[in-house]
């Protein structure tokens, strides 16, 4: 399962979900995006896979 951590969450949470593929908003370069924008970006990325 892929999980996206919001920029307001500590990056160290990635370690708590080691069995999943974890990304932060910063990893994706999506800093300062609003929730609707994040959902659209995630959906577009899923469709490209």
C-alpha atoms as a PDB file:
ATOM      1  CA  UNK A   1       0.000   0.000   0.000  1.00  0.00           C
ATOM      2  CA  UNK A   2       1.231   3.484  -0.800  1.00  0.00           C
ATOM      3  CA  UNK A   3       0.772   6.160   1.837  1.00  0.00           C
ATOM      4  CA  UNK A   4       1.264   9.910   1.599  1.00  0.00           C
ATOM      5  CA  UNK A   5       2.160  11.797   4.762  1.00  0.00           C
ATOM      6  CA  UNK A   6       1.021  15.402   4.919  1.00  0.00           C
ATOM      7  CA  UNK A   7       3.675  18.050   5.454  1.00  0.00           C
ATOM      8  CA  UNK A   8       2.290  18.731   8.955  1.00  0.00           C
ATOM      9  CA  UNK A   9       3.215  15.224  10.115  1.00  0.00           C
ATOM     10  CA  UNK A  10       6.683  14.301  11.370  1.00  0.00           C
ATOM     11  CA  UNK A  11       8.799  12.530   8.742  1.00  0.00           C
ATOM     12  CA  UNK A  12       9.849   9.966  11.336  1.00  0.00           C
ATOM     13  CA  UNK A  13       6.388   8.385  10.990  1.00  0.00           C
ATOM     14  CA  UNK A  14       7.717   6.735   7.836  1.00  0.00           C
ATOM     15  CA  UNK A  15       9.555   4.289  10.102  1.00  0.00           C
ATOM     16  CA  UNK A  16       6.291   3.219  11.766  1.00  0.00           C
ATOM     17  CA  UNK A  17       4.889   1.984   8.449  1.00  0.00           C
ATOM     18  CA  UNK A  18       7.883   0.084   7.118  1.00  0.00           C
ATOM     19  CA  UNK A  19       5.695  -2.579   5.493  1.00  0.00           C
ATOM     20  CA  UNK A  20       4.196   0.085   3.197  1.00  0.00           C
ATOM     21  CA  UNK A  21       5.544   2.385   0.504  1.00  0.00           C
ATOM     22  CA  UNK A  22       5.621   5.771   2.256  1.00  0.00           C
ATOM     23  CA  UNK A  23       6.086   9.206   0.721  1.00  0.00           C
ATOM     24  CA  UNK A  24       5.865  12.643   2.239  1.00  0.00           C
ATOM     25  CA  UNK A  25       4.429  15.653   0.493  1.00  0.00           C
ATOM     26  CA  UNK A  26       7.984  17.006   0.440  1.00  0.00           C
ATOM     27  CA  UNK A  27       9.310  13.821  -1.198  1.00  0.00           C
ATOM     28  CA  UNK A  28       6.898  14.430  -4.056  1.00  0.00           C
ATOM     29  CA  UNK A  29       7.620  18.170  -4.288  1.00  0.00           C
ATOM     30  CA  UNK A  30       4.001  18.957  -3.423  1.00  0.00           C
ATOM     31  CA  UNK A  31       4.666  21.333  -0.516  1.00  0.00           C
ATOM     32  CA  UNK A  32       2.044  23.995   0.197  1.00  0.00           C
ATOM     33  CA  UNK A  33      -0.635  22.245  -1.874  1.00  0.00           C
ATOM     34  CA  UNK A  34      -4.187  22.282  -0.539  1.00  0.00           C
ATOM     35  CA  UNK A  35      -6.073  19.029   0.102  1.00  0.00           C
ATOM     36  CA  UNK A  36      -8.014  19.163  -3.180  1.00  0.00           C
ATOM     37  CA  UNK A  37      -4.807  19.723  -5.133  1.00  0.00           C
ATOM     38  CA  UNK A  38      -3.094  16.846  -3.301  1.00  0.00           C
ATOM     39  CA  UNK A  39      -5.967  14.508  -4.103  1.00  0.00           C
ATOM     40  CA  UNK A  40      -5.817  15.461  -7.780  1.00  0.00           C
ATOM     41  CA  UNK A  41      -2.048  14.942  -7.906  1.00  0.00           C
ATOM     42  CA  UNK A  42      -2.322  11.552  -6.184  1.00  0.00           C
ATOM     43  CA  UNK A  43      -5.120  10.443  -8.513  1.00  0.00           C
ATOM     44  CA  UNK A  44      -3.154  11.507 -11.584  1.00  0.00           C
ATOM     45  CA  UNK A  45      -0.095   9.600 -10.339  1.00  0.00           C
ATOM     46  CA  UNK A  46      -2.156   6.453  -9.755  1.00  0.00           C
ATOM     47  CA  UNK A  47      -3.616   6.626 -13.257  1.00  0.00           C
ATOM     48  CA  UNK A  48      -0.125   6.960 -14.774  1.00  0.00           C
ATOM     49  CA  UNK A  49       1.010   3.669 -13.150  1.00  0.00           C
END
